């Protein structure tokens, strides 16, 4: 294909066609090549996560990753549990059986659909989300202790009472 080696605008000029017409033809060709090879075929360890399409708008896309090859195998324009289940079921029973591990965040939709669909898979919470929740919990405790200390300093209580209040 000409568009693989040079910009679409140059191909359009060479062929005497419009830019959008060449872009459309190129996209159709690329889609047929992608559909010819099944990116799900060799996946054993699947990563599931989401990205925000527009920050702050609540619209997410689900990103599926082959963790062994380290590449994105699909990007779904949804992340709700029902459509996710339908998507994976459409891949067939062989695909559902071949998955050995699923790495995802702690969102219930990913965990429950994974448990329901992939009988041979172990679900692993990805370390980024574990560390994020752990840091949040430690930070919350730090803030609580700081409030207690600040309150006690304002009261100017005796040191014995001060340590007793801190303990509990």
N, C-alpha and C. Protein backbone atom coordinates (compact mmCIF):
# COMPACT_ATOMS: atom_id res chain seq x y z
N UNK A 1 0.84 -1.19 0.00
CA UNK A 1 0.00 0.00 0.00
C UNK A 1 0.88 1.25 0.00
N UNK A 2 0.51 2.20 -0.79
CA UNK A 2 1.27 3.44 -0.90
C UNK A 2 1.28 4.24 0.40
N UNK A 3 0.18 4.17 1.14
CA UNK A 3 0.05 4.99 2.36
C UNK A 3 0.96 4.52 3.50
N UNK A 4 1.52 3.32 3.39
CA UNK A 4 2.40 2.84 4.44
C UNK A 4 3.76 3.55 4.40
N UNK A 5 4.13 4.06 3.23
CA UNK A 5 5.47 4.64 3.07
C UNK A 5 5.47 6.16 2.94
N UNK A 6 4.32 6.75 2.73
CA UNK A 6 4.26 8.21 2.57
C UNK A 6 2.92 8.75 3.07
N UNK A 7 2.86 10.03 3.33
CA UNK A 7 1.62 10.63 3.86
C UNK A 7 0.44 10.47 2.89
N UNK A 8 -0.73 10.41 3.45
CA UNK A 8 -1.96 10.26 2.66
C UNK A 8 -2.11 11.41 1.68
N UNK A 9 -1.73 12.60 2.08
CA UNK A 9 -1.85 13.76 1.19
C UNK A 9 -1.01 13.58 -0.07
N UNK A 10 0.17 12.99 0.05
CA UNK A 10 1.01 12.76 -1.13
C UNK A 10 0.42 11.68 -2.03
N UNK A 11 -0.13 10.64 -1.43
CA UNK A 11 -0.76 9.57 -2.21
C UNK A 11 -1.96 10.14 -2.97
N UNK A 12 -2.74 10.97 -2.29
CA UNK A 12 -3.90 11.59 -2.95
C UNK A 12 -3.47 12.42 -4.15
N UNK A 13 -2.38 13.18 -4.01
CA UNK A 13 -1.87 13.99 -5.11
C UNK A 13 -1.36 13.12 -6.25
N UNK A 14 -0.66 12.04 -5.91
CA UNK A 14 -0.14 11.12 -6.93
C UNK A 14 -1.25 10.47 -7.76
N UNK A 15 -2.32 10.10 -7.07
CA UNK A 15 -3.42 9.39 -7.74
C UNK A 15 -4.50 10.31 -8.27
N UNK A 16 -4.39 11.60 -7.97
CA UNK A 16 -5.41 12.54 -8.41
C UNK A 16 -6.75 12.32 -7.71
N UNK A 17 -6.68 11.94 -6.43
CA UNK A 17 -7.89 11.68 -5.65
C UNK A 17 -7.93 12.63 -4.46
N UNK A 18 -9.06 12.71 -3.82
CA UNK A 18 -9.20 13.54 -2.63
C UNK A 18 -8.58 12.87 -1.42
N UNK A 19 -8.16 13.68 -0.46
CA UNK A 19 -7.53 13.18 0.77
C UNK A 19 -8.46 12.21 1.51
N UNK A 20 -9.72 12.61 1.72
CA UNK A 20 -10.64 11.78 2.50
C UNK A 20 -10.93 10.46 1.80
N UNK A 21 -10.95 10.47 0.47
CA UNK A 21 -11.19 9.24 -0.29
C UNK A 21 -10.03 8.25 -0.10
N UNK A 22 -8.80 8.76 -0.18
CA UNK A 22 -7.61 7.91 0.02
C UNK A 22 -7.56 7.43 1.47
N UNK A 23 -7.86 8.30 2.42
CA UNK A 23 -7.85 7.92 3.83
C UNK A 23 -8.87 6.82 4.10
N UNK A 24 -10.03 6.93 3.49
CA UNK A 24 -11.07 5.92 3.67
C UNK A 24 -10.63 4.57 3.10
N UNK A 25 -10.06 4.59 1.92
CA UNK A 25 -9.58 3.34 1.30
C UNK A 25 -8.49 2.71 2.16
N UNK A 26 -7.57 3.54 2.65
CA UNK A 26 -6.49 3.04 3.49
C UNK A 26 -7.04 2.43 4.78
N UNK A 27 -8.02 3.08 5.39
CA UNK A 27 -8.60 2.57 6.62
C UNK A 27 -9.30 1.23 6.39
N UNK A 28 -10.02 1.10 5.28
CA UNK A 28 -10.68 -0.17 4.97
C UNK A 28 -9.65 -1.29 4.81
N UNK A 29 -8.55 -0.99 4.13
CA UNK A 29 -7.49 -1.98 3.95
C UNK A 29 -6.86 -2.38 5.27
N UNK A 30 -6.61 -1.39 6.11
CA UNK A 30 -6.00 -1.67 7.42
C UNK A 30 -6.93 -2.51 8.29
N UNK A 31 -8.22 -2.20 8.26
CA UNK A 31 -9.18 -2.96 9.05
C UNK A 31 -9.26 -4.41 8.59
N UNK A 32 -9.19 -4.63 7.28
CA UNK A 32 -9.25 -6.02 6.79
C UNK A 32 -7.99 -6.79 7.18
N UNK A 33 -6.83 -6.12 7.19
CA UNK A 33 -5.60 -6.78 7.64
C UNK A 33 -5.67 -7.13 9.12
N UNK A 34 -6.19 -6.21 9.90
CA UNK A 34 -6.31 -6.45 11.35
C UNK A 34 -7.27 -7.59 11.63
N UNK A 35 -8.39 -7.61 10.93
CA UNK A 35 -9.36 -8.67 11.19
C UNK A 35 -8.87 -10.03 10.71
N UNK A 36 -7.93 -10.05 9.76
CA UNK A 36 -7.39 -11.31 9.25
C UNK A 36 -6.58 -12.04 10.32
N UNK A 37 -5.90 -11.31 11.16
CA UNK A 37 -5.16 -11.95 12.25
C UNK A 37 -5.93 -11.72 13.54
N UNK A 38 -6.10 -12.76 14.31
CA UNK A 38 -6.88 -12.68 15.54
C UNK A 38 -5.95 -12.36 16.71
N UNK A 39 -5.98 -11.12 17.22
CA UNK A 39 -5.07 -10.77 18.32
C UNK A 39 -5.38 -11.52 19.62
N UNK A 40 -6.56 -12.10 19.72
CA UNK A 40 -6.94 -12.83 20.94
C UNK A 40 -6.42 -14.27 20.94
N UNK A 41 -6.01 -14.75 19.79
CA UNK A 41 -5.70 -16.17 19.61
C UNK A 41 -4.67 -16.72 20.59
N UNK A 42 -3.58 -16.01 20.82
CA UNK A 42 -2.50 -16.55 21.64
C UNK A 42 -2.46 -15.96 23.06
N UNK A 43 -3.45 -15.23 23.45
CA UNK A 43 -3.45 -14.58 24.77
C UNK A 43 -3.64 -15.62 25.87
N UNK A 44 -2.75 -15.60 26.84
CA UNK A 44 -2.87 -16.47 28.02
C UNK A 44 -3.05 -15.63 29.28
N UNK A 45 -2.39 -14.49 29.31
CA UNK A 45 -2.45 -13.60 30.46
C UNK A 45 -3.00 -12.26 30.01
N UNK A 46 -4.19 -11.93 30.49
CA UNK A 46 -4.96 -10.79 30.00
C UNK A 46 -4.98 -9.66 31.02
N UNK A 47 -4.69 -8.47 30.57
CA UNK A 47 -4.81 -7.29 31.41
C UNK A 47 -6.05 -6.51 31.01
N UNK A 48 -6.83 -6.07 32.00
CA UNK A 48 -8.04 -5.31 31.74
C UNK A 48 -7.97 -4.02 32.56
N UNK A 49 -8.10 -2.90 31.89
CA UNK A 49 -8.10 -1.60 32.57
C UNK A 49 -8.92 -0.63 31.73
N UNK A 50 -9.05 0.58 32.19
CA UNK A 50 -9.82 1.56 31.43
C UNK A 50 -9.04 2.86 31.35
N UNK A 51 -9.40 3.64 30.34
CA UNK A 51 -8.88 4.99 30.22
C UNK A 51 -10.07 5.92 30.05
N UNK A 52 -9.92 7.14 30.51
CA UNK A 52 -10.97 8.14 30.33
C UNK A 52 -10.83 8.72 28.93
N UNK A 53 -11.92 8.69 28.18
CA UNK A 53 -11.89 9.26 26.83
C UNK A 53 -11.82 10.78 26.91
N UNK A 54 -12.58 11.34 27.85
CA UNK A 54 -12.53 12.78 28.12
C UNK A 54 -12.53 12.93 29.63
N UNK A 55 -11.47 13.47 30.16
CA UNK A 55 -11.32 13.60 31.61
C UNK A 55 -12.50 14.36 32.23
N UNK A 56 -13.04 13.79 33.31
CA UNK A 56 -14.11 14.44 34.04
C UNK A 56 -15.49 14.26 33.46
N UNK A 57 -15.64 13.49 32.40
CA UNK A 57 -16.95 13.31 31.77
C UNK A 57 -17.56 11.93 32.04
N UNK A 58 -16.81 11.06 32.70
CA UNK A 58 -17.35 9.75 33.06
C UNK A 58 -17.47 8.78 31.90
N UNK A 59 -16.88 9.10 30.75
CA UNK A 59 -16.93 8.15 29.64
C UNK A 59 -15.58 7.46 29.51
N UNK A 60 -15.61 6.14 29.58
CA UNK A 60 -14.40 5.35 29.62
C UNK A 60 -14.35 4.36 28.46
N UNK A 61 -13.14 3.98 28.11
CA UNK A 61 -12.92 2.90 27.16
C UNK A 61 -12.17 1.81 27.93
N UNK A 62 -12.49 0.57 27.64
CA UNK A 62 -11.84 -0.56 28.27
C UNK A 62 -10.67 -0.98 27.39
N UNK A 63 -9.50 -1.11 27.99
CA UNK A 63 -8.29 -1.49 27.26
C UNK A 63 -7.92 -2.92 27.65
N UNK A 64 -7.77 -3.78 26.64
CA UNK A 64 -7.39 -5.17 26.85
C UNK A 64 -5.96 -5.36 26.38
N UNK A 65 -5.14 -5.97 27.22
CA UNK A 65 -3.71 -6.09 26.94
C UNK A 65 -3.27 -7.54 27.04
N UNK A 66 -2.46 -7.98 26.07
CA UNK A 66 -1.79 -9.27 26.17
C UNK A 66 -0.56 -9.01 27.02
N UNK A 67 -0.56 -9.49 28.24
CA UNK A 67 0.52 -9.19 29.19
C UNK A 67 1.83 -9.87 28.81
N UNK A 68 1.77 -11.00 28.12
CA UNK A 68 2.99 -11.69 27.72
C UNK A 68 3.72 -10.93 26.61
N UNK A 69 2.97 -10.45 25.64
CA UNK A 69 3.58 -9.71 24.53
C UNK A 69 3.71 -8.22 24.83
N UNK A 70 3.00 -7.75 25.86
CA UNK A 70 3.06 -6.35 26.22
C UNK A 70 2.44 -5.44 25.19
N UNK A 71 1.31 -5.88 24.61
CA UNK A 71 0.67 -5.05 23.58
C UNK A 71 -0.84 -5.01 23.79
N UNK A 72 -1.42 -3.91 23.33
CA UNK A 72 -2.87 -3.74 23.39
C UNK A 72 -3.48 -4.62 22.31
N UNK A 73 -4.45 -5.45 22.71
CA UNK A 73 -5.11 -6.30 21.72
C UNK A 73 -6.47 -5.75 21.32
N UNK A 74 -7.04 -4.91 22.17
CA UNK A 74 -8.34 -4.32 21.82
C UNK A 74 -8.62 -3.13 22.72
N UNK A 75 -9.43 -2.24 22.21
CA UNK A 75 -9.90 -1.11 22.98
C UNK A 75 -11.40 -1.01 22.75
N UNK A 76 -12.16 -1.25 23.79
CA UNK A 76 -13.61 -1.29 23.70
C UNK A 76 -14.20 0.05 24.12
N UNK A 77 -15.19 0.57 23.38
CA UNK A 77 -15.74 1.88 23.71
C UNK A 77 -16.72 1.85 24.89
N UNK A 78 -16.59 0.86 25.74
CA UNK A 78 -17.45 0.70 26.92
C UNK A 78 -16.66 -0.04 27.98
N UNK A 79 -17.19 -0.05 29.20
CA UNK A 79 -16.58 -0.87 30.25
C UNK A 79 -17.64 -1.46 31.17
N UNK A 80 -18.91 -1.34 30.79
CA UNK A 80 -19.95 -1.89 31.66
C UNK A 80 -19.92 -3.42 31.60
N UNK A 81 -20.30 -4.01 32.70
CA UNK A 81 -20.20 -5.45 32.91
C UNK A 81 -20.96 -6.26 31.85
N UNK A 82 -22.16 -5.86 31.51
CA UNK A 82 -22.98 -6.63 30.58
C UNK A 82 -22.35 -6.71 29.19
N UNK A 83 -21.91 -5.57 28.68
CA UNK A 83 -21.31 -5.58 27.34
C UNK A 83 -19.93 -6.23 27.35
N UNK A 84 -19.23 -6.12 28.45
CA UNK A 84 -17.94 -6.78 28.58
C UNK A 84 -18.12 -8.31 28.52
N UNK A 85 -19.10 -8.81 29.25
CA UNK A 85 -19.40 -10.24 29.24
C UNK A 85 -19.78 -10.69 27.83
N UNK A 86 -20.64 -9.93 27.16
CA UNK A 86 -21.05 -10.28 25.80
C UNK A 86 -19.85 -10.28 24.84
N UNK A 87 -18.96 -9.31 25.01
CA UNK A 87 -17.77 -9.24 24.15
C UNK A 87 -16.91 -10.48 24.30
N UNK A 88 -16.62 -10.86 25.54
CA UNK A 88 -15.77 -12.03 25.77
C UNK A 88 -16.46 -13.33 25.34
N UNK A 89 -17.75 -13.44 25.57
CA UNK A 89 -18.47 -14.64 25.15
C UNK A 89 -18.46 -14.79 23.63
N UNK A 90 -18.48 -13.67 22.92
CA UNK A 90 -18.44 -13.71 21.45
C UNK A 90 -17.10 -14.23 20.94
N UNK A 91 -16.08 -14.19 21.75
CA UNK A 91 -14.75 -14.70 21.35
C UNK A 91 -14.71 -16.21 21.36
N UNK A 92 -15.69 -16.84 21.97
CA UNK A 92 -15.78 -18.30 21.95
C UNK A 92 -15.24 -18.97 23.20
N UNK A 93 -15.67 -20.20 23.37
CA UNK A 93 -15.32 -20.99 24.55
C UNK A 93 -13.82 -21.29 24.62
N UNK A 94 -13.19 -21.50 23.46
CA UNK A 94 -11.74 -21.79 23.45
C UNK A 94 -10.96 -20.61 24.04
N UNK A 95 -11.35 -19.41 23.69
CA UNK A 95 -10.68 -18.23 24.25
C UNK A 95 -10.89 -18.15 25.75
N UNK A 96 -12.11 -18.36 26.20
CA UNK A 96 -12.41 -18.28 27.64
C UNK A 96 -11.60 -19.32 28.43
N UNK A 97 -11.39 -20.49 27.84
CA UNK A 97 -10.65 -21.56 28.51
C UNK A 97 -9.14 -21.31 28.54
N UNK A 98 -8.61 -20.59 27.54
CA UNK A 98 -7.16 -20.44 27.43
C UNK A 98 -6.56 -19.39 28.37
N UNK A 99 -7.40 -18.55 28.94
CA UNK A 99 -6.89 -17.48 29.81
C UNK A 99 -6.48 -18.07 31.16
N UNK A 100 -5.22 -17.81 31.54
CA UNK A 100 -4.66 -18.34 32.79
C UNK A 100 -4.65 -17.32 33.92
N UNK A 101 -4.39 -16.05 33.58
CA UNK A 101 -4.35 -14.98 34.58
C UNK A 101 -5.02 -13.74 34.02
N UNK A 102 -5.68 -13.02 34.91
CA UNK A 102 -6.28 -11.73 34.55
C UNK A 102 -5.77 -10.71 35.57
N UNK A 103 -5.18 -9.65 35.06
CA UNK A 103 -4.73 -8.56 35.92
C UNK A 103 -5.66 -7.37 35.69
N UNK A 104 -6.23 -6.87 36.78
CA UNK A 104 -7.18 -5.76 36.65
C UNK A 104 -7.14 -4.93 37.93
N UNK A 105 -7.88 -3.81 37.90
CA UNK A 105 -8.00 -3.04 39.14
C UNK A 105 -9.12 -3.66 39.98
N UNK A 106 -9.51 -3.00 41.03
CA UNK A 106 -10.47 -3.59 41.96
C UNK A 106 -11.92 -3.28 41.63
N UNK A 107 -12.17 -2.82 40.40
CA UNK A 107 -13.55 -2.53 40.01
C UNK A 107 -14.34 -3.83 39.94
N UNK A 108 -15.48 -3.86 40.58
CA UNK A 108 -16.29 -5.06 40.70
C UNK A 108 -16.69 -5.65 39.35
N UNK A 109 -16.95 -4.81 38.37
CA UNK A 109 -17.35 -5.30 37.04
C UNK A 109 -16.30 -6.18 36.41
N UNK A 110 -15.03 -5.82 36.56
CA UNK A 110 -13.95 -6.64 35.99
C UNK A 110 -13.80 -7.95 36.76
N UNK A 111 -13.86 -7.86 38.06
CA UNK A 111 -13.64 -9.05 38.89
C UNK A 111 -14.78 -10.06 38.73
N UNK A 112 -16.02 -9.61 38.85
CA UNK A 112 -17.13 -10.55 38.78
C UNK A 112 -17.30 -11.13 37.37
N UNK A 113 -17.10 -10.32 36.34
CA UNK A 113 -17.22 -10.87 34.99
C UNK A 113 -16.07 -11.84 34.70
N UNK A 114 -14.89 -11.57 35.22
CA UNK A 114 -13.75 -12.48 35.03
C UNK A 114 -14.00 -13.82 35.73
N UNK A 115 -14.53 -13.76 36.94
CA UNK A 115 -14.83 -14.99 37.67
C UNK A 115 -15.89 -15.81 36.94
N UNK A 116 -16.88 -15.14 36.37
CA UNK A 116 -17.97 -15.83 35.69
C UNK A 116 -17.56 -16.42 34.35
N UNK A 117 -16.62 -15.78 33.65
CA UNK A 117 -16.31 -16.17 32.28
C UNK A 117 -15.08 -17.05 32.11
N UNK A 118 -14.06 -16.83 32.90
CA UNK A 118 -12.78 -17.49 32.67
C UNK A 118 -12.53 -18.54 33.76
N UNK A 119 -12.92 -19.79 33.50
CA UNK A 119 -12.86 -20.82 34.54
C UNK A 119 -11.45 -21.20 34.99
N UNK A 120 -10.45 -21.02 34.12
CA UNK A 120 -9.09 -21.43 34.45
C UNK A 120 -8.21 -20.27 34.91
N UNK A 121 -8.77 -19.09 35.00
CA UNK A 121 -7.97 -17.89 35.28
C UNK A 121 -7.90 -17.56 36.76
N UNK A 122 -6.71 -17.14 37.15
CA UNK A 122 -6.51 -16.57 38.48
C UNK A 122 -6.56 -15.06 38.31
N UNK A 123 -7.30 -14.40 39.19
CA UNK A 123 -7.44 -12.95 39.10
C UNK A 123 -6.40 -12.30 40.01
N UNK A 124 -5.66 -11.38 39.43
CA UNK A 124 -4.60 -10.69 40.15
C UNK A 124 -4.91 -9.19 40.11
N UNK A 125 -4.92 -8.56 41.27
CA UNK A 125 -5.11 -7.11 41.32
C UNK A 125 -3.77 -6.47 40.98
N UNK A 126 -3.77 -5.58 40.00
CA UNK A 126 -2.49 -5.02 39.58
C UNK A 126 -1.86 -4.18 40.67
N UNK A 127 -0.54 -4.20 40.73
CA UNK A 127 0.19 -3.59 41.84
C UNK A 127 0.02 -2.07 41.90
N UNK A 128 -0.21 -1.44 40.77
CA UNK A 128 -0.42 0.01 40.78
C UNK A 128 -1.61 0.35 41.65
N UNK A 129 -2.73 -0.37 41.48
CA UNK A 129 -3.94 -0.07 42.24
C UNK A 129 -3.80 -0.48 43.71
N UNK A 130 -3.09 -1.57 43.98
CA UNK A 130 -2.84 -1.96 45.37
C UNK A 130 -2.04 -0.87 46.07
N UNK A 131 -0.97 -0.41 45.43
CA UNK A 131 -0.13 0.65 46.03
C UNK A 131 -0.92 1.95 46.19
N UNK A 132 -1.76 2.27 45.22
CA UNK A 132 -2.56 3.49 45.30
C UNK A 132 -3.50 3.45 46.51
N UNK A 133 -4.19 2.32 46.70
CA UNK A 133 -5.12 2.20 47.84
C UNK A 133 -4.36 2.17 49.17
N UNK A 134 -3.22 1.51 49.19
CA UNK A 134 -2.41 1.47 50.41
C UNK A 134 -1.93 2.87 50.79
N UNK A 135 -1.45 3.63 49.81
CA UNK A 135 -1.00 5.00 50.07
C UNK A 135 -2.15 5.88 50.57
N UNK A 136 -3.33 5.70 50.00
CA UNK A 136 -4.49 6.48 50.43
C UNK A 136 -4.85 6.16 51.89
N UNK A 137 -4.79 4.87 52.25
CA UNK A 137 -5.12 4.47 53.63
C UNK A 137 -4.09 5.02 54.62
N UNK A 138 -2.81 4.94 54.28
CA UNK A 138 -1.77 5.48 55.15
C UNK A 138 -1.93 6.99 55.29
N UNK A 139 -2.21 7.68 54.19
CA UNK A 139 -2.38 9.13 54.22
C UNK A 139 -3.58 9.52 55.09
N UNK A 140 -4.66 8.75 55.00
CA UNK A 140 -5.86 9.03 55.82
C UNK A 140 -5.53 8.89 57.30
N UNK A 141 -4.79 7.85 57.66
CA UNK A 141 -4.39 7.65 59.06
C UNK A 141 -3.47 8.77 59.53
N UNK A 142 -2.54 9.19 58.68
CA UNK A 142 -1.63 10.28 59.02
C UNK A 142 -2.41 11.56 59.32
N UNK A 143 -3.40 11.86 58.49
CA UNK A 143 -4.20 13.07 58.68
C UNK A 143 -5.00 12.98 59.99
N UNK A 144 -5.51 11.80 60.29
CA UNK A 144 -6.29 11.62 61.52
C UNK A 144 -5.41 11.82 62.75
N UNK A 145 -4.22 11.26 62.73
CA UNK A 145 -3.29 11.44 63.85
C UNK A 145 -2.91 12.91 64.00
N UNK A 146 -2.69 13.56 62.88
CA UNK A 146 -2.33 14.98 62.93
C UNK A 146 -3.47 15.81 63.54
N UNK A 147 -4.73 15.49 63.20
CA UNK A 147 -5.87 16.20 63.78
C UNK A 147 -5.91 16.00 65.29
N UNK A 148 -5.68 14.76 65.72
CA UNK A 148 -5.71 14.46 67.16
C UNK A 148 -4.63 15.24 67.90
N UNK A 149 -3.44 15.26 67.34
CA UNK A 149 -2.33 15.98 67.97
C UNK A 149 -2.64 17.47 68.04
N UNK A 150 -3.16 18.01 66.96
CA UNK A 150 -3.50 19.44 66.92
C UNK A 150 -4.56 19.77 67.97
N UNK A 151 -5.58 18.89 68.07
CA UNK A 151 -6.65 19.10 69.04
C UNK A 151 -6.10 19.03 70.46
N UNK A 152 -5.23 18.09 70.72
CA UNK A 152 -4.68 17.92 72.06
C UNK A 152 -3.77 19.09 72.44
N UNK A 153 -3.02 19.59 71.50
CA UNK A 153 -2.16 20.74 71.78
C UNK A 153 -3.00 21.96 72.12
N UNK A 154 -4.15 22.09 71.48
CA UNK A 154 -5.04 23.20 71.78
C UNK A 154 -5.61 23.09 73.19
N UNK A 155 -5.88 21.88 73.61
CA UNK A 155 -6.45 21.67 74.95
C UNK A 155 -5.40 21.79 76.04
N UNK A 156 -4.13 21.63 75.68
CA UNK A 156 -3.00 21.70 76.64
C UNK A 156 -3.23 20.77 77.82
N UNK A 157 -3.51 19.53 77.51
CA UNK A 157 -3.73 18.53 78.56
C UNK A 157 -2.41 17.98 79.03
N UNK A 158 -2.43 17.30 80.17
CA UNK A 158 -1.20 16.72 80.72
C UNK A 158 -0.68 15.62 79.80
N UNK A 159 0.63 15.35 79.88
CA UNK A 159 1.25 14.40 78.96
C UNK A 159 0.70 12.98 79.14
N UNK A 160 0.29 12.59 80.36
CA UNK A 160 -0.28 11.27 80.57
C UNK A 160 -1.61 11.12 79.85
N UNK A 161 -2.48 12.11 79.95
CA UNK A 161 -3.76 12.09 79.27
C UNK A 161 -3.56 12.18 77.77
N UNK A 162 -2.57 12.95 77.36
CA UNK A 162 -2.23 13.14 75.94
C UNK A 162 -1.94 11.80 75.28
N UNK A 163 -1.07 10.98 75.88
CA UNK A 163 -0.71 9.69 75.28
C UNK A 163 -1.88 8.72 75.35
N UNK A 164 -2.69 8.81 76.41
CA UNK A 164 -3.86 7.94 76.53
C UNK A 164 -4.86 8.21 75.41
N UNK A 165 -5.09 9.47 75.08
CA UNK A 165 -6.02 9.83 74.01
C UNK A 165 -5.48 9.37 72.66
N UNK A 166 -4.17 9.50 72.45
CA UNK A 166 -3.57 9.07 71.18
C UNK A 166 -3.72 7.57 70.97
N UNK A 167 -3.64 6.79 72.03
CA UNK A 167 -3.75 5.34 71.92
C UNK A 167 -5.18 4.91 71.65
N UNK A 168 -6.12 5.72 71.94
CA UNK A 168 -7.38 5.21 71.63
C UNK A 168 -8.62 5.69 71.97
